[in-house]
């Protein structure tokens, strides 16, 4: 398990409570942590992170989103999916070829201050 440095685009869950969640989700909401690595919930695919801060900044598009440094473990999977969706449809709509440049799929993520 090789741990790499990257960047995660997140947003605050209900402003003011400090919980950071995925900037955009396909279904399940994951709360990210500065203290420990999290992994996708059962049935969920990998997380999308970025190799560079520039790639992350070019992608995020909302005032309530922010780019945070992270540590991650690269996933062997090649598409994003979540419970209650058809993997084929997600691959067609969110497949790796359509993800923004600099995207990496991760099996574990931890935010870094």
C-alpha atoms as a PDB file:
ATOM      1  CA  UNK A   1       0.000   0.000   0.000  1.00  0.00           C
ATOM      2  CA  UNK A   2       1.848   3.069  -1.269  1.00  0.00           C
ATOM      3  CA  UNK A   3       0.632   6.367   0.190  1.00  0.00           C
ATOM      4  CA  UNK A   4       0.794   9.331  -2.194  1.00  0.00           C
ATOM      5  CA  UNK A   5       0.213  13.078  -1.896  1.00  0.00           C
ATOM      6  CA  UNK A   6      -2.707  14.651  -3.719  1.00  0.00           C
ATOM      7  CA  UNK A   7      -5.555  17.149  -3.530  1.00  0.00           C
ATOM      8  CA  UNK A   8      -9.247  16.651  -2.733  1.00  0.00           C
ATOM      9  CA  UNK A   9     -12.066  19.049  -3.563  1.00  0.00           C
ATOM     10  CA  UNK A  10     -14.509  19.136  -0.653  1.00  0.00           C
ATOM     11  CA  UNK A  11     -17.334  21.261   0.715  1.00  0.00           C
ATOM     12  CA  UNK A  12     -18.560  21.925   4.208  1.00  0.00           C
ATOM     13  CA  UNK A  13     -21.624  19.959   5.293  1.00  0.00           C
ATOM     14  CA  UNK A  14     -24.119  22.515   6.595  1.00  0.00           C
ATOM     15  CA  UNK A  15     -21.952  25.576   6.944  1.00  0.00           C
ATOM     16  CA  UNK A  16     -20.379  26.088  10.304  1.00  0.00           C
ATOM     17  CA  UNK A  17     -20.242  22.507  11.559  1.00  0.00           C
ATOM     18  CA  UNK A  18     -16.732  21.789  10.225  1.00  0.00           C
ATOM     19  CA  UNK A  19     -17.535  18.441   8.562  1.00  0.00           C
ATOM     20  CA  UNK A  20     -16.060  18.157   5.088  1.00  0.00           C
ATOM     21  CA  UNK A  21     -17.764  16.021   2.448  1.00  0.00           C
ATOM     22  CA  UNK A  22     -17.231  15.346  -1.255  1.00  0.00           C
ATOM     23  CA  UNK A  23     -17.718  18.376  -3.453  1.00  0.00           C
ATOM     24  CA  UNK A  24     -19.992  16.326  -5.669  1.00  0.00           C
ATOM     25  CA  UNK A  25     -21.261  12.865  -5.021  1.00  0.00           C
ATOM     26  CA  UNK A  26     -22.899  10.159  -7.051  1.00  0.00           C
ATOM     27  CA  UNK A  27     -24.995   9.049  -4.102  1.00  0.00           C
ATOM     28  CA  UNK A  28     -23.441   8.201  -0.734  1.00  0.00           C
ATOM     29  CA  UNK A  29     -22.009  11.063   1.315  1.00  0.00           C
ATOM     30  CA  UNK A  30     -18.595  10.477   2.866  1.00  0.00           C
ATOM     31  CA  UNK A  31     -17.220  12.639   5.674  1.00  0.00           C
ATOM     32  CA  UNK A  32     -13.471  13.161   5.284  1.00  0.00           C
ATOM     33  CA  UNK A  33     -11.079  13.229   8.218  1.00  0.00           C
ATOM     34  CA  UNK A  34      -7.763  14.857   9.081  1.00  0.00           C
ATOM     35  CA  UNK A  35      -7.088  12.124  11.651  1.00  0.00           C
ATOM     36  CA  UNK A  36      -7.492   8.861   9.763  1.00  0.00           C
ATOM     37  CA  UNK A  37      -7.835   7.335   6.331  1.00  0.00           C
ATOM     38  CA  UNK A  38     -11.377   6.662   5.204  1.00  0.00           C
ATOM     39  CA  UNK A  39     -12.419   4.146   2.598  1.00  0.00           C
ATOM     40  CA  UNK A  40     -15.565   4.005   0.481  1.00  0.00           C
ATOM     41  CA  UNK A  41     -18.648   2.538   2.117  1.00  0.00           C
ATOM     42  CA  UNK A  42     -19.634  -0.966   1.101  1.00  0.00           C
ATOM     43  CA  UNK A  43     -20.921  -0.952  -2.464  1.00  0.00           C
ATOM     44  CA  UNK A  44     -19.344   2.404  -3.306  1.00  0.00           C
ATOM     45  CA  UNK A  45     -16.547   2.856  -5.794  1.00  0.00           C
ATOM     46  CA  UNK A  46     -13.289   4.747  -5.273  1.00  0.00           C
ATOM     47  CA  UNK A  47     -12.833   8.419  -4.413  1.00  0.00           C
ATOM     48  CA  UNK A  48     -11.744  10.964  -7.024  1.00  0.00           C
ATOM     49  CA  UNK A  49      -8.672  12.992  -6.026  1.00  0.00           C
ATOM     50  CA  UNK A  50      -6.261  15.124  -8.046  1.00  0.00           C
ATOM     51  CA  UNK A  51      -2.526  14.741  -8.601  1.00  0.00           C
ATOM     52  CA  UNK A  52      -1.901  18.496  -8.482  1.00  0.00           C
ATOM     53  CA  UNK A  53      -3.423  21.514  -6.772  1.00  0.00           C
ATOM     54  CA  UNK A  54      -3.730  23.214 -10.162  1.00  0.00           C
ATOM     55  CA  UNK A  55      -5.814  20.331 -11.564  1.00  0.00           C
ATOM     56  CA  UNK A  56      -8.087  20.449  -8.505  1.00  0.00           C
ATOM     57  CA  UNK A  57      -8.490  24.238  -8.728  1.00  0.00           C
ATOM     58  CA  UNK A  58      -9.317  24.039 -12.436  1.00  0.00           C
ATOM     59  CA  UNK A  59     -12.103  21.564 -11.682  1.00  0.00           C
ATOM     60  CA  UNK A  60     -13.865  23.048  -8.657  1.00  0.00           C
ATOM     61  CA  UNK A  61     -16.530  25.550  -9.549  1.00  0.00           C
ATOM     62  CA  UNK A  62     -18.554  26.573  -6.514  1.00  0.00           C
ATOM     63  CA  UNK A  63     -17.941  29.163  -3.818  1.00  0.00           C
ATOM     64  CA  UNK A  64     -18.680  26.600  -1.089  1.00  0.00           C
ATOM     65  CA  UNK A  65     -15.997  24.186  -2.333  1.00  0.00           C
ATOM     66  CA  UNK A  66     -12.342  24.212  -1.356  1.00  0.00           C
ATOM     67  CA  UNK A  67      -9.171  22.368  -2.302  1.00  0.00           C
ATOM     68  CA  UNK A  68      -7.482  20.476   0.551  1.00  0.00           C
ATOM     69  CA  UNK A  69      -4.186  18.601   0.532  1.00  0.00           C
ATOM     70  CA  UNK A  70      -4.597  14.864   1.100  1.00  0.00           C
ATOM     71  CA  UNK A  71      -2.833  11.546   1.351  1.00  0.00           C
ATOM     72  CA  UNK A  72      -4.289   8.706  -0.703  1.00  0.00           C
ATOM     73  CA  UNK A  73      -3.832   5.131  -1.796  1.00  0.00           C
ATOM     74  CA  UNK A  74      -4.425   4.646  -5.512  1.00  0.00           C
ATOM     75  CA  UNK A  75      -7.282   2.320  -6.457  1.00  0.00           C
ATOM     76  CA  UNK A  76      -7.007  -0.416  -9.076  1.00  0.00           C
ATOM     77  CA  UNK A  77     -10.607   0.358 -10.130  1.00  0.00           C
ATOM     78  CA  UNK A  78     -11.284   2.385 -13.253  1.00  0.00           C
ATOM     79  CA  UNK A  79     -14.717   3.892 -12.700  1.00  0.00           C
ATOM     80  CA  UNK A  80     -16.869   5.701 -10.155  1.00  0.00           C
ATOM     81  CA  UNK A  81     -20.083   4.139  -8.905  1.00  0.00           C
ATOM     82  CA  UNK A  82     -22.336   4.019  -5.866  1.00  0.00           C
ATOM     83  CA  UNK A  83     -25.200   1.902  -4.482  1.00  0.00           C
ATOM     84  CA  UNK A  84     -28.435   1.920  -6.394  1.00  0.00           C
ATOM     85  CA  UNK A  85     -26.840   2.794  -9.719  1.00  0.00           C
ATOM     86  CA  UNK A  86     -25.990   0.675 -12.687  1.00  0.00           C
ATOM     87  CA  UNK A  87     -22.208   0.324 -13.003  1.00  0.00           C
ATOM     88  CA  UNK A  88     -22.486   0.420 -16.804  1.00  0.00           C
ATOM     89  CA  UNK A  89     -24.363   3.730 -16.739  1.00  0.00           C
ATOM     90  CA  UNK A  90     -21.853   5.256 -14.348  1.00  0.00           C
ATOM     91  CA  UNK A  91     -18.944   4.076 -16.486  1.00  0.00           C
ATOM     92  CA  UNK A  92     -20.568   5.596 -19.541  1.00  0.00           C
ATOM     93  CA  UNK A  93     -21.288   8.882 -17.775  1.00  0.00           C
ATOM     94  CA  UNK A  94     -18.384   9.206 -15.342  1.00  0.00           C
ATOM     95  CA  UNK A  95     -15.797   6.854 -16.824  1.00  0.00           C
ATOM     96  CA  UNK A  96     -12.122   7.607 -16.343  1.00  0.00           C
ATOM     97  CA  UNK A  97     -11.830   8.967 -19.884  1.00  0.00           C
ATOM     98  CA  UNK A  98     -14.387  11.682 -18.983  1.00  0.00           C
ATOM     99  CA  UNK A  99     -12.959  12.637 -15.612  1.00  0.00           C
ATOM    100  CA  UNK A 100     -10.972  15.901 -15.506  1.00  0.00           C
ATOM    101  CA  UNK A 101      -7.277  15.770 -16.359  1.00  0.00           C
ATOM    102  CA  UNK A 102      -5.185  14.984 -13.311  1.00  0.00           C
ATOM    103  CA  UNK A 103      -7.854  12.831 -11.647  1.00  0.00           C
ATOM    104  CA  UNK A 104      -6.731   9.765  -9.726  1.00  0.00           C
ATOM    105  CA  UNK A 105      -9.089   7.174  -8.256  1.00  0.00           C
ATOM    106  CA  UNK A 106      -8.284   6.364  -4.633  1.00  0.00           C
ATOM    107  CA  UNK A 107      -9.243   3.494  -2.352  1.00  0.00           C
ATOM    108  CA  UNK A 108      -8.375   5.446   0.824  1.00  0.00           C
ATOM    109  CA  UNK A 109      -8.117   9.187   1.561  1.00  0.00           C
ATOM    110  CA  UNK A 110      -7.001  11.292   4.523  1.00  0.00           C
ATOM    111  CA  UNK A 111      -7.013  15.104   4.554  1.00  0.00           C
ATOM    112  CA  UNK A 112      -3.827  16.932   5.560  1.00  0.00           C
ATOM    113  CA  UNK A 113      -3.695  20.328   7.289  1.00  0.00           C
END
